[in-house]
Amino acid sequence: MGKTVKVVATGAANTESSVFTITSNGISNQYYLSNDNVNNFVYVWINATNSFNVALPETQTLGTQVIAIPPYGYKVFTGPQVSNTSNVYAKVIGDAVNSACYVTPGEGI
């Protein structure tokens, strides 16, 4: 299991975050994603490489993928494998200023 990372899209609404690195002490391909915002969805994606884009679903931007996390919501997502020798990367975008999603890697969560 790895440490929880707060992935934040700093600035205005509809702004894509920087790339955040997700690490783990052991091998995992499951991620607990949570949104502590009371009013707005956040949209997050986890990727095996650090070169990718995210966009709001309604924009239907070609080549982007996201998982919607509702206000005060969470999801368990199966994605690329992370380990102590292989990182994964996350980005977030949202409808609100400073949209954020918490990402925790770990098997069986």
PDB file of N, CA and C in Angstrom:
ATOM      1  N   MET A   1       0.839  -1.171   0.000  1.00  0.00           N
ATOM      2  CA  MET A   1       0.000   0.000   0.000  1.00  0.00           C
ATOM      3  C   MET A   1       0.885   1.236   0.000  1.00  0.00           C
ATOM      4  N   GLY A   2       0.388   2.284  -0.649  1.00  0.00           N
ATOM      5  CA  GLY A   2       1.161   3.511  -0.730  1.00  0.00           C
ATOM      6  C   GLY A   2       0.512   4.639   0.036  1.00  0.00           C
ATOM      7  N   LYS A   3       1.198   5.760   0.052  1.00  0.00           N
ATOM      8  CA  LYS A   3       0.690   6.942   0.736  1.00  0.00           C
ATOM      9  C   LYS A   3      -0.415   7.597  -0.087  1.00  0.00           C
ATOM     10  N   THR A   4      -1.352   8.227   0.610  1.00  0.00           N
ATOM     11  CA  THR A   4      -2.401   8.990  -0.052  1.00  0.00           C
ATOM     12  C   THR A   4      -1.814  10.275  -0.603  1.00  0.00           C
ATOM     13  N   VAL A   5      -2.159  10.582  -1.848  1.00  0.00           N
ATOM     14  CA  VAL A   5      -1.692  11.796  -2.514  1.00  0.00           C
ATOM     15  C   VAL A   5      -2.904  12.655  -2.843  1.00  0.00           C
ATOM     16  N   LYS A   6      -2.832  13.929  -2.485  1.00  0.00           N
ATOM     17  CA  LYS A   6      -3.882  14.876  -2.852  1.00  0.00           C
ATOM     18  C   LYS A   6      -3.503  15.478  -4.197  1.00  0.00           C
ATOM     19  N   VAL A   7      -4.281  15.147  -5.216  1.00  0.00           N
ATOM     20  CA  VAL A   7      -4.033  15.631  -6.577  1.00  0.00           C
ATOM     21  C   VAL A   7      -4.914  16.869  -6.765  1.00  0.00           C
ATOM     22  N   VAL A   8      -4.287  18.029  -6.978  1.00  0.00           N
ATOM     23  CA  VAL A   8      -5.014  19.298  -7.001  1.00  0.00           C
ATOM     24  C   VAL A   8      -4.823  20.015  -8.333  1.00  0.00           C
ATOM     25  N   ALA A   9      -5.951  20.481  -8.881  1.00  0.00           N
ATOM     26  CA  ALA A   9      -5.916  21.359 -10.057  1.00  0.00           C
ATOM     27  C   ALA A   9      -5.952  22.785  -9.529  1.00  0.00           C
ATOM     28  N   THR A  10      -4.794  23.345  -9.242  1.00  0.00           N
ATOM     29  CA  THR A  10      -4.702  24.670  -8.649  1.00  0.00           C
ATOM     30  C   THR A  10      -5.154  25.731  -9.638  1.00  0.00           C
ATOM     31  N   GLY A  11      -6.044  26.591  -9.169  1.00  0.00           N
ATOM     32  CA  GLY A  11      -6.488  27.698 -10.010  1.00  0.00           C
ATOM     33  C   GLY A  11      -7.951  27.593 -10.374  1.00  0.00           C
ATOM     34  N   ALA A  12      -8.277  28.170 -11.506  1.00  0.00           N
ATOM     35  CA  ALA A  12      -9.671  28.301 -11.936  1.00  0.00           C
ATOM     36  C   ALA A  12     -10.314  26.953 -12.232  1.00  0.00           C
ATOM     37  N   ALA A  13     -11.644  26.955 -12.214  1.00  0.00           N
ATOM     38  CA  ALA A  13     -12.394  25.760 -12.607  1.00  0.00           C
ATOM     39  C   ALA A  13     -12.040  25.380 -14.037  1.00  0.00           C
ATOM     40  N   ASN A  14     -12.205  24.097 -14.348  1.00  0.00           N
ATOM     41  CA  ASN A  14     -11.929  23.561 -15.684  1.00  0.00           C
ATOM     42  C   ASN A  14     -10.459  23.663 -16.076  1.00  0.00           C
ATOM     43  N   THR A  15      -9.576  23.703 -15.078  1.00  0.00           N
ATOM     44  CA  THR A  15      -8.138  23.757 -15.321  1.00  0.00           C
ATOM     45  C   THR A  15      -7.525  22.402 -14.982  1.00  0.00           C
ATOM     46  N   GLU A  16      -6.792  21.831 -15.912  1.00  0.00           N
ATOM     47  CA  GLU A  16      -6.123  20.545 -15.713  1.00  0.00           C
ATOM     48  C   GLU A  16      -4.981  20.700 -14.718  1.00  0.00           C
ATOM     49  N   SER A  17      -4.829  19.731 -13.828  1.00  0.00           N
ATOM     50  CA  SER A  17      -3.737  19.778 -12.852  1.00  0.00           C
ATOM     51  C   SER A  17      -2.402  19.438 -13.499  1.00  0.00           C
ATOM     52  N   SER A  18      -1.359  19.660 -12.743  1.00  0.00           N
ATOM     53  CA  SER A  18      -0.050  19.136 -13.108  1.00  0.00           C
ATOM     54  C   SER A  18      -0.084  17.623 -12.923  1.00  0.00           C
ATOM     55  N   VAL A  19       0.970  16.950 -13.316  1.00  0.00           N
ATOM     56  CA  VAL A  19       1.083  15.503 -13.116  1.00  0.00           C
ATOM     57  C   VAL A  19       1.570  15.249 -11.693  1.00  0.00           C
ATOM     58  N   PHE A  20       0.887  14.365 -10.975  1.00  0.00           N
ATOM     59  CA  PHE A  20       1.293  13.962  -9.639  1.00  0.00           C
ATOM     60  C   PHE A  20       1.770  12.521  -9.692  1.00  0.00           C
ATOM     61  N   THR A  21       2.856  12.220  -8.983  1.00  0.00           N
ATOM     62  CA  THR A  21       3.428  10.879  -8.953  1.00  0.00           C
ATOM     63  C   THR A  21       2.828  10.085  -7.800  1.00  0.00           C
ATOM     64  N   ILE A  22       2.396   8.855  -8.089  1.00  0.00           N
ATOM     65  CA  ILE A  22       1.839   7.949  -7.092  1.00  0.00           C
ATOM     66  C   ILE A  22       2.843   6.817  -6.893  1.00  0.00           C
ATOM     67  N   THR A  23       3.209   6.557  -5.634  1.00  0.00           N
ATOM     68  CA  THR A  23       4.167   5.498  -5.311  1.00  0.00           C
ATOM     69  C   THR A  23       3.519   4.482  -4.379  1.00  0.00           C
ATOM     70  N   SER A  24       4.159   3.328  -4.243  1.00  0.00           N
ATOM     71  CA  SER A  24       3.629   2.284  -3.371  1.00  0.00           C
ATOM     72  C   SER A  24       4.770   1.461  -2.801  1.00  0.00           C
ATOM     73  N   ASN A  25       4.561   0.926  -1.610  1.00  0.00           N
ATOM     74  CA  ASN A  25       5.561   0.044  -0.993  1.00  0.00           C
ATOM     75  C   ASN A  25       5.518  -1.356  -1.580  1.00  0.00           C
ATOM     76  N   GLY A  26       4.365  -1.753  -2.079  1.00  0.00           N
ATOM     77  CA  GLY A  26       4.199  -3.077  -2.656  1.00  0.00           C
ATOM     78  C   GLY A  26       3.503  -2.981  -4.001  1.00  0.00           C
ATOM     79  N   ILE A  27       3.262  -4.110  -4.607  1.00  0.00           N
ATOM     80  CA  ILE A  27       2.625  -4.151  -5.930  1.00  0.00           C
ATOM     81  C   ILE A  27       1.115  -3.982  -5.775  1.00  0.00           C
ATOM     82  N   SER A  28       0.555  -3.109  -6.595  1.00  0.00           N
ATOM     83  CA  SER A  28      -0.885  -2.866  -6.555  1.00  0.00           C
ATOM     84  C   SER A  28      -1.358  -2.323  -7.893  1.00  0.00           C
ATOM     85  N   ASN A  29      -2.595  -2.630  -8.235  1.00  0.00           N
ATOM     86  CA  ASN A  29      -3.205  -1.975  -9.385  1.00  0.00           C
ATOM     87  C   ASN A  29      -4.623  -1.508  -9.038  1.00  0.00           C
ATOM     88  N   GLN A  30      -4.881  -1.357  -7.725  1.00  0.00           N
ATOM     89  CA  GLN A  30      -6.146  -0.788  -7.272  1.00  0.00           C
ATOM     90  C   GLN A  30      -5.878   0.546  -6.584  1.00  0.00           C
ATOM     91  N   TYR A  31      -6.837   1.464  -6.760  1.00  0.00           N
ATOM     92  CA  TYR A  31      -6.694   2.815  -6.221  1.00  0.00           C
ATOM     93  C   TYR A  31      -8.012   3.246  -5.602  1.00  0.00           C
ATOM     94  N   TYR A  32      -7.933   3.801  -4.406  1.00  0.00           N
ATOM     95  CA  TYR A  32      -9.100   4.374  -3.740  1.00  0.00           C
ATOM     96  C   TYR A  32      -9.082   5.867  -4.053  1.00  0.00           C
ATOM     97  N   LEU A  33     -10.129   6.338  -4.730  1.00  0.00           N
ATOM     98  CA  LEU A  33     -10.227   7.736  -5.149  1.00  0.00           C
ATOM     99  C   LEU A  33     -11.341   8.392  -4.350  1.00  0.00           C
ATOM    100  N   SER A  34     -11.080   9.540  -3.735  1.00  0.00           N
ATOM    101  CA  SER A  34     -12.130  10.191  -2.955  1.00  0.00           C
ATOM    102  C   SER A  34     -12.150  11.699  -3.203  1.00  0.00           C
ATOM    103  N   ASN A  35     -13.338  12.262  -3.067  1.00  0.00           N
ATOM    104  CA  ASN A  35     -13.599  13.679  -3.296  1.00  0.00           C
ATOM    105  C   ASN A  35     -14.254  14.236  -2.038  1.00  0.00           C
ATOM    106  N   ASP A  36     -13.608  15.199  -1.372  1.00  0.00           N
ATOM    107  CA  ASP A  36     -14.190  15.774  -0.156  1.00  0.00           C
ATOM    108  C   ASP A  36     -14.922  17.092  -0.422  1.00  0.00           C
ATOM    109  N   ASN A  37     -15.157  17.418  -1.694  1.00  0.00           N
ATOM    110  CA  ASN A  37     -15.861  18.653  -2.031  1.00  0.00           C
ATOM    111  C   ASN A  37     -17.366  18.439  -1.870  1.00  0.00           C
ATOM    112  N   VAL A  38     -18.028  19.386  -1.238  1.00  0.00           N
ATOM    113  CA  VAL A  38     -19.455  19.257  -0.944  1.00  0.00           C
ATOM    114  C   VAL A  38     -20.343  19.499  -2.160  1.00  0.00           C
ATOM    115  N   ASN A  39     -19.880  20.268  -3.138  1.00  0.00           N
ATOM    116  CA  ASN A  39     -20.753  20.699  -4.230  1.00  0.00           C
ATOM    117  C   ASN A  39     -20.379  20.226  -5.624  1.00  0.00           C
ATOM    118  N   ASN A  40     -19.148  19.860  -5.853  1.00  0.00           N
ATOM    119  CA  ASN A  40     -18.704  19.644  -7.226  1.00  0.00           C
ATOM    120  C   ASN A  40     -18.078  18.279  -7.451  1.00  0.00           C
ATOM    121  N   PHE A  41     -18.296  17.756  -8.656  1.00  0.00           N
ATOM    122  CA  PHE A  41     -17.604  16.558  -9.114  1.00  0.00           C
ATOM    123  C   PHE A  41     -16.132  16.894  -9.367  1.00  0.00           C
ATOM    124  N   VAL A  42     -15.276  15.883  -9.247  1.00  0.00           N
ATOM    125  CA  VAL A  42     -13.909  15.965  -9.756  1.00  0.00           C
ATOM    126  C   VAL A  42     -13.729  14.804 -10.715  1.00  0.00           C
ATOM    127  N   TYR A  43     -12.809  14.957 -11.627  1.00  0.00           N
ATOM    128  CA  TYR A  43     -12.554  13.957 -12.664  1.00  0.00           C
ATOM    129  C   TYR A  43     -11.069  13.658 -12.634  1.00  0.00           C
ATOM    130  N   VAL A  44     -10.736  12.387 -12.472  1.00  0.00           N
ATOM    131  CA  VAL A  44      -9.341  11.995 -12.278  1.00  0.00           C
ATOM    132  C   VAL A  44      -8.984  10.885 -13.257  1.00  0.00           C
ATOM    133  N   TRP A  45      -7.701  10.807 -13.592  1.00  0.00           N
ATOM    134  CA  TRP A  45      -7.196   9.700 -14.399  1.00  0.00           C
ATOM    135  C   TRP A  45      -5.823   9.312 -13.889  1.00  0.00           C
ATOM    136  N   ILE A  46      -5.570   7.993 -13.885  1.00  0.00           N
ATOM    137  CA  ILE A  46      -4.275   7.437 -13.491  1.00  0.00           C
ATOM    138  C   ILE A  46      -3.686   6.756 -14.705  1.00  0.00           C
ATOM    139  N   ASN A  47      -2.403   7.003 -14.956  1.00  0.00           N
ATOM    140  CA  ASN A  47      -1.757   6.524 -16.175  1.00  0.00           C
ATOM    141  C   ASN A  47      -0.382   5.947 -15.853  1.00  0.00           C
ATOM    142  N   ALA A  48       0.089   5.036 -16.695  1.00  0.00           N
ATOM    143  CA  ALA A  48       1.406   4.423 -16.500  1.00  0.00           C
ATOM    144  C   ALA A  48       2.545   5.354 -16.908  1.00  0.00           C
ATOM    145  N   THR A  49       2.262   6.345 -17.742  1.00  0.00           N
ATOM    146  CA  THR A  49       3.287   7.311 -18.147  1.00  0.00           C
ATOM    147  C   THR A  49       2.866   8.702 -17.681  1.00  0.00           C
ATOM    148  N   ASN A  50       3.822   9.614 -17.648  1.00  0.00           N
ATOM    149  CA  ASN A  50       3.519  10.957 -17.150  1.00  0.00           C
ATOM    150  C   ASN A  50       3.109  11.929 -18.255  1.00  0.00           C
ATOM    151  N   SER A  51       2.814  11.427 -19.423  1.00  0.00           N
ATOM    152  CA  SER A  51       2.409  12.277 -20.543  1.00  0.00           C
ATOM    153  C   SER A  51       0.994  11.905 -20.983  1.00  0.00           C
ATOM    154  N   PHE A  52      -0.002  12.651 -20.483  1.00  0.00           N
ATOM    155  CA  PHE A  52      -1.399  12.419 -20.843  1.00  0.00           C
ATOM    156  C   PHE A  52      -2.208  13.653 -20.486  1.00  0.00           C
ATOM    157  N   ASN A  53      -3.419  13.724 -21.008  1.00  0.00           N
ATOM    158  CA  ASN A  53      -4.287  14.867 -20.753  1.00  0.00           C
ATOM    159  C   ASN A  53      -5.603  14.413 -20.162  1.00  0.00           C
ATOM    160  N   VAL A  54      -6.225  15.298 -19.384  1.00  0.00           N
ATOM    161  CA  VAL A  54      -7.574  15.068 -18.876  1.00  0.00           C
ATOM    162  C   VAL A  54      -8.451  16.237 -19.318  1.00  0.00           C
ATOM    163  N   ALA A  55      -9.748  15.987 -19.440  1.00  0.00           N
ATOM    164  CA  ALA A  55     -10.693  17.030 -19.822  1.00  0.00           C
ATOM    165  C   ALA A  55     -12.046  16.701 -19.213  1.00  0.00           C
ATOM    166  N   LEU A  56     -12.867  17.709 -19.033  1.00  0.00           N
ATOM    167  CA  LEU A  56     -14.215  17.475 -18.528  1.00  0.00           C
ATOM    168  C   LEU A  56     -14.966  16.598 -19.526  1.00  0.00           C
ATOM    169  N   PRO A  57     -15.763  15.651 -19.045  1.00  0.00           N
ATOM    170  CA  PRO A  57     -16.448  14.720 -19.947  1.00  0.00           C
ATOM    171  C   PRO A  57     -17.304  15.391 -21.012  1.00  0.00           C
ATOM    172  N   GLU A  58     -17.949  16.488 -20.656  1.00  0.00           N
ATOM    173  CA  GLU A  58     -18.842  17.131 -21.618  1.00  0.00           C
ATOM    174  C   GLU A  58     -18.109  17.771 -22.797  1.00  0.00           C
ATOM    175  N   THR A  59     -16.798  17.950 -22.679  1.00  0.00           N
ATOM    176  CA  THR A  59     -16.043  18.530 -23.796  1.00  0.00           C
ATOM    177  C   THR A  59     -15.777  17.508 -24.890  1.00  0.00           C
ATOM    178  N   GLN A  60     -15.847  16.223 -24.534  1.00  0.00           N
ATOM    179  CA  GLN A  60     -15.596  15.129 -25.480  1.00  0.00           C
ATOM    180  C   GLN A  60     -14.295  15.340 -26.249  1.00  0.00           C
ATOM    181  N   THR A  61     -13.254  15.729 -25.517  1.00  0.00           N
ATOM    182  CA  THR A  61     -11.945  15.969 -26.112  1.00  0.00           C
ATOM    183  C   THR A  61     -11.293  14.645 -26.481  1.00  0.00           C
ATOM    184  N   LEU A  62     -10.926  14.497 -27.733  1.00  0.00           N
ATOM    185  CA  LEU A  62     -10.314  13.275 -28.235  1.00  0.00           C
ATOM    186  C   LEU A  62      -9.035  12.955 -27.468  1.00  0.00           C
ATOM    187  N   GLY A  63      -8.870  11.708 -27.090  1.00  0.00           N
ATOM    188  CA  GLY A  63      -7.639  11.266 -26.444  1.00  0.00           C
ATOM    189  C   GLY A  63      -7.587  11.503 -24.944  1.00  0.00           C
ATOM    190  N   THR A  64      -8.706  11.875 -24.325  1.00  0.00           N
ATOM    191  CA  THR A  64      -8.714  12.082 -22.878  1.00  0.00           C
ATOM    192  C   THR A  64      -9.654  11.083 -22.220  1.00  0.00           C
ATOM    193  N   GLN A  65      -9.327  10.707 -20.996  1.00  0.00           N
ATOM    194  CA  GLN A  65     -10.153   9.788 -20.225  1.00  0.00           C
ATOM    195  C   GLN A  65     -10.195  10.289 -18.789  1.00  0.00           C
ATOM    196  N   VAL A  66     -11.346  10.136 -18.132  1.00  0.00           N
ATOM    197  CA  VAL A  66     -11.464  10.498 -16.725  1.00  0.00           C
ATOM    198  C   VAL A  66     -12.467   9.589 -16.027  1.00  0.00           C
ATOM    199  N   ILE A  67     -12.347   9.524 -14.714  1.00  0.00           N
ATOM    200  CA  ILE A  67     -13.314   8.845 -13.863  1.00  0.00           C
ATOM    201  C   ILE A  67     -13.989   9.932 -13.045  1.00  0.00           C
ATOM    202  N   ALA A  68     -15.310   9.969 -13.050  1.00  0.00           N
ATOM    203  CA  ALA A  68     -16.061  10.978 -12.309  1.00  0.00           C
ATOM    204  C   ALA A  68     -16.220  10.542 -10.854  1.00  0.00           C
ATOM    205  N   ILE A  69     -15.877  11.440  -9.928  1.00  0.00           N
ATOM    206  CA  ILE A  69     -16.061  11.201  -8.507  1.00  0.00           C
ATOM    207  C   ILE A  69     -17.048  12.257  -7.995  1.00  0.00           C
ATOM    208  N   PRO A  70     -18.231  11.844  -7.534  1.00  0.00           N
ATOM    209  CA  PRO A  70     -19.239  12.812  -7.102  1.00  0.00           C
ATOM    210  C   PRO A  70     -18.852  13.511  -5.798  1.00  0.00           C
ATOM    211  N   PRO A  71     -19.555  14.595  -5.458  1.00  0.00           N
ATOM    212  CA  PRO A  71     -19.289  15.275  -4.181  1.00  0.00           C
ATOM    213  C   PRO A  71     -19.381  14.304  -3.008  1.00  0.00           C
ATOM    214  N   TYR A  72     -18.443  14.391  -2.110  1.00  0.00           N
ATOM    215  CA  TYR A  72     -18.336  13.491  -0.957  1.00  0.00           C
ATOM    216  C   TYR A  72     -18.357  12.028  -1.368  1.00  0.00           C
ATOM    217  N   GLY A  73     -17.889  11.730  -2.569  1.00  0.00           N
ATOM    218  CA  GLY A  73     -17.935  10.371  -3.088  1.00  0.00           C
ATOM    219  C   GLY A  73     -16.577   9.711  -3.139  1.00  0.00           C
ATOM    220  N   TYR A  74     -16.602   8.428  -3.460  1.00  0.00           N
ATOM    221  CA  TYR A  74     -15.366   7.668  -3.629  1.00  0.00           C
ATOM    222  C   TYR A  74     -15.609   6.545  -4.634  1.00  0.00           C
ATOM    223  N   LYS A  75     -14.532   6.048  -5.197  1.00  0.00           N
ATOM    224  CA  LYS A  75     -14.574   4.886  -6.088  1.00  0.00           C
ATOM    225  C   LYS A  75     -13.282   4.115  -5.926  1.00  0.00           C
ATOM    226  N   VAL A  76     -13.371   2.814  -6.121  1.00  0.00           N
ATOM    227  CA  VAL A  76     -12.170   1.981  -6.215  1.00  0.00           C
ATOM    228  C   VAL A  76     -11.975   1.707  -7.689  1.00  0.00           C
ATOM    229  N   PHE A  77     -10.782   2.003  -8.168  1.00  0.00           N
ATOM    230  CA  PHE A  77     -10.455   1.961  -9.587  1.00  0.00           C
ATOM    231  C   PHE A  77      -9.319   0.971  -9.796  1.00  0.00           C
ATOM    232  N   THR A  78      -9.450   0.090 -10.772  1.00  0.00           N
ATOM    233  CA  THR A  78      -8.363  -0.807 -11.157  1.00  0.00           C
ATOM    234  C   THR A  78      -7.673  -0.206 -12.368  1.00  0.00           C
ATOM    235  N   GLY A  79      -6.384   0.020 -12.227  1.00  0.00           N
ATOM    236  CA  GLY A  79      -5.631   0.700 -13.282  1.00  0.00           C
ATOM    237  C   GLY A  79      -4.244   0.123 -13.441  1.00  0.00           C
ATOM    238  N   PRO A  80      -3.325   0.936 -13.929  1.00  0.00           N
ATOM    239  CA  PRO A  80      -1.955   0.459 -14.162  1.00  0.00           C
ATOM    240  C   PRO A  80      -1.271   0.070 -12.847  1.00  0.00           C
ATOM    241  N   GLN A  81      -0.355  -0.874 -12.955  1.00  0.00           N
ATOM    242  CA  GLN A  81       0.324  -1.398 -11.770  1.00  0.00           C
ATOM    243  C   GLN A  81       1.363  -0.422 -11.234  1.00  0.00           C
ATOM    244  N   VAL A  82       1.336  -0.227  -9.910  1.00  0.00           N
ATOM    245  CA  VAL A  82       2.325   0.576  -9.205  1.00  0.00           C
ATOM    246  C   VAL A  82       3.078  -0.340  -8.248  1.00  0.00           C
ATOM    247  N   SER A  83       4.351  -0.056  -8.014  1.00  0.00           N
ATOM    248  CA  SER A  83       5.142  -0.849  -7.066  1.00  0.00           C
ATOM    249  C   SER A  83       6.262   0.030  -6.517  1.00  0.00           C
ATOM    250  N   ASN A  84       7.130  -0.568  -5.708  1.00  0.00           N
ATOM    251  CA  ASN A  84       8.256   0.195  -5.169  1.00  0.00           C
ATOM    252  C   ASN A  84       9.311   0.500  -6.238  1.00  0.00           C
ATOM    253  N   THR A  85       9.182  -0.099  -7.414  1.00  0.00           N
ATOM    254  CA  THR A  85      10.126   0.181  -8.502  1.00  0.00           C
ATOM    255  C   THR A  85       9.459   0.805  -9.729  1.00  0.00           C
ATOM    256  N   SER A  86       8.136   0.976  -9.683  1.00  0.00           N
ATOM    257  CA  SER A  86       7.402   1.497 -10.832  1.00  0.00           C
ATOM    258  C   SER A  86       6.281   2.439 -10.373  1.00  0.00           C
ATOM    259  N   ASN A  87       6.411   3.719 -10.689  1.00  0.00           N
ATOM    260  CA  ASN A  87       5.414   4.713 -10.312  1.00  0.00           C
ATOM    261  C   ASN A  87       4.287   4.773 -11.332  1.00  0.00           C
ATOM    262  N   VAL A  88       3.162   5.351 -10.932  1.00  0.00           N
ATOM    263  CA  VAL A  88       2.103   5.740 -11.853  1.00  0.00           C
ATOM    264  C   VAL A  88       1.859   7.233 -11.641  1.00  0.00           C
ATOM    265  N   TYR A  89       1.032   7.810 -12.499  1.00  0.00           N
ATOM    266  CA  TYR A  89       0.861   9.256 -12.498  1.00  0.00           C
ATOM    267  C   TYR A  89      -0.619   9.604 -12.539  1.00  0.00           C
ATOM    268  N   ALA A  90      -0.994  10.700 -11.891  1.00  0.00           N
ATOM    269  CA  ALA A  90      -2.405  11.096 -11.822  1.00  0.00           C
ATOM    270  C   ALA A  90      -2.557  12.572 -12.149  1.00  0.00           C
ATOM    271  N   LYS A  91      -3.713  12.884 -12.760  1.00  0.00           N
ATOM    272  CA  LYS A  91      -4.127  14.264 -13.014  1.00  0.00           C
ATOM    273  C   LYS A  91      -5.595  14.381 -12.642  1.00  0.00           C
ATOM    274  N   VAL A  92      -6.024  15.601 -12.353  1.00  0.00           N
ATOM    275  CA  VAL A  92      -7.416  15.866 -12.018  1.00  0.00           C
ATOM    276  C   VAL A  92      -7.869  17.150 -12.706  1.00  0.00           C
ATOM    277  N   ILE A  93      -9.172  17.228 -12.929  1.00  0.00           N
ATOM    278  CA  ILE A  93      -9.797  18.448 -13.436  1.00  0.00           C
ATOM    279  C   ILE A  93     -11.169  18.509 -12.774  1.00  0.00           C
ATOM    280  N   GLY A  94     -11.710  19.710 -12.621  1.00  0.00           N
ATOM    281  CA  GLY A  94     -13.010  19.810 -11.963  1.00  0.00           C
ATOM    282  C   GLY A  94     -13.760  21.068 -12.313  1.00  0.00           C
ATOM    283  N   ASP A  95     -15.003  21.110 -11.820  1.00  0.00           N
ATOM    284  CA  ASP A  95     -15.895  22.235 -12.077  1.00  0.00           C
ATOM    285  C   ASP A  95     -15.661  23.404 -11.139  1.00  0.00           C
ATOM    286  N   ALA A  96     -14.849  23.224 -10.110  1.00  0.00           N
ATOM    287  CA  ALA A  96     -14.660  24.253  -9.089  1.00  0.00           C
ATOM    288  C   ALA A  96     -13.213  24.732  -9.051  1.00  0.00           C
ATOM    289  N   VAL A  97     -13.001  25.857  -8.397  1.00  0.00           N
ATOM    290  CA  VAL A  97     -11.653  26.383  -8.157  1.00  0.00           C
ATOM    291  C   VAL A  97     -10.919  25.399  -7.252  1.00  0.00           C
ATOM    292  N   ASN A  98      -9.671  25.119  -7.560  1.00  0.00           N
ATOM    293  CA  ASN A  98      -8.822  24.223  -6.767  1.00  0.00           C
ATOM    294  C   ASN A  98      -9.449  22.841  -6.553  1.00  0.00           C
ATOM    295  N   SER A  99      -9.971  22.238  -7.612  1.00  0.00           N
ATOM    296  CA  SER A  99     -10.536  20.898  -7.527  1.00  0.00           C
ATOM    297  C   SER A  99      -9.464  19.904  -7.103  1.00  0.00           C
ATOM    298  N   ALA A 100      -9.858  18.934  -6.268  1.00  0.00           N
ATOM    299  CA  ALA A 100      -8.883  17.971  -5.747  1.00  0.00           C
ATOM    300  C   ALA A 100      -9.492  16.586  -5.605  1.00  0.00           C
ATOM    301  N   CYS A 101      -8.633  15.588  -5.689  1.00  0.00           N
ATOM    302  CA  CYS A 101      -9.030  14.196  -5.477  1.00  0.00           C
ATOM    303  C   CYS A 101      -7.904  13.535  -4.687  1.00  0.00           C
ATOM    304  N   TYR A 102      -8.270  12.712  -3.718  1.00  0.00           N
ATOM    305  CA  TYR A 102      -7.287  11.966  -2.938  1.00  0.00           C
ATOM    306  C   TYR A 102      -7.142  10.580  -3.567  1.00  0.00           C
ATOM    307  N   VAL A 103      -5.899  10.154  -3.779  1.00  0.00           N
ATOM    308  CA  VAL A 103      -5.609   8.875  -4.425  1.00  0.00           C
ATOM    309  C   VAL A 103      -4.744   8.026  -3.491  1.00  0.00           C
ATOM    310  N   THR A 104      -5.241   6.815  -3.178  1.00  0.00           N
ATOM    311  CA  THR A 104      -4.491   5.889  -2.327  1.00  0.00           C
ATOM    312  C   THR A 104      -4.355   4.553  -3.047  1.00  0.00           C
ATOM    313  N   PRO A 105      -3.119   4.121  -3.345  1.00  0.00           N
ATOM    314  CA  PRO A 105      -2.939   2.808  -3.972  1.00  0.00           C
ATOM    315  C   PRO A 105      -2.962   1.699  -2.923  1.00  0.00           C
ATOM    316  N   GLY A 106      -3.494   0.535  -3.271  1.00  0.00           N
ATOM    317  CA  GLY A 106      -3.480  -0.603  -2.368  1.00  0.00           C
ATOM    318  C   GLY A 106      -4.360  -1.727  -2.851  1.00  0.00           C
ATOM    319  N   GLU A 107      -3.924  -2.951  -2.716  1.00  0.00           N
ATOM    320  CA  GLU A 107      -4.708  -4.121  -3.120  1.00  0.00           C
ATOM    321  C   GLU A 107      -5.784  -4.409  -2.086  1.00  0.00           C
ATOM    322  N   GLY A 108      -6.946  -4.785  -2.577  1.00  0.00           N
ATOM    323  CA  GLY A 108      -8.030  -5.207  -1.699  1.00  0.00           C
ATOM    324  C   GLY A 108      -8.697  -4.092  -0.938  1.00  0.00           C
ATOM    325  N   ILE A 109      -8.610  -2.874  -1.452  1.00  0.00           N
ATOM    326  CA  ILE A 109      -9.240  -1.757  -0.734  1.00  0.00           C
ATOM    327  C   ILE A 109     -10.659  -1.529  -1.219  1.00  0.00           C
TER     328      ILE A 109
END
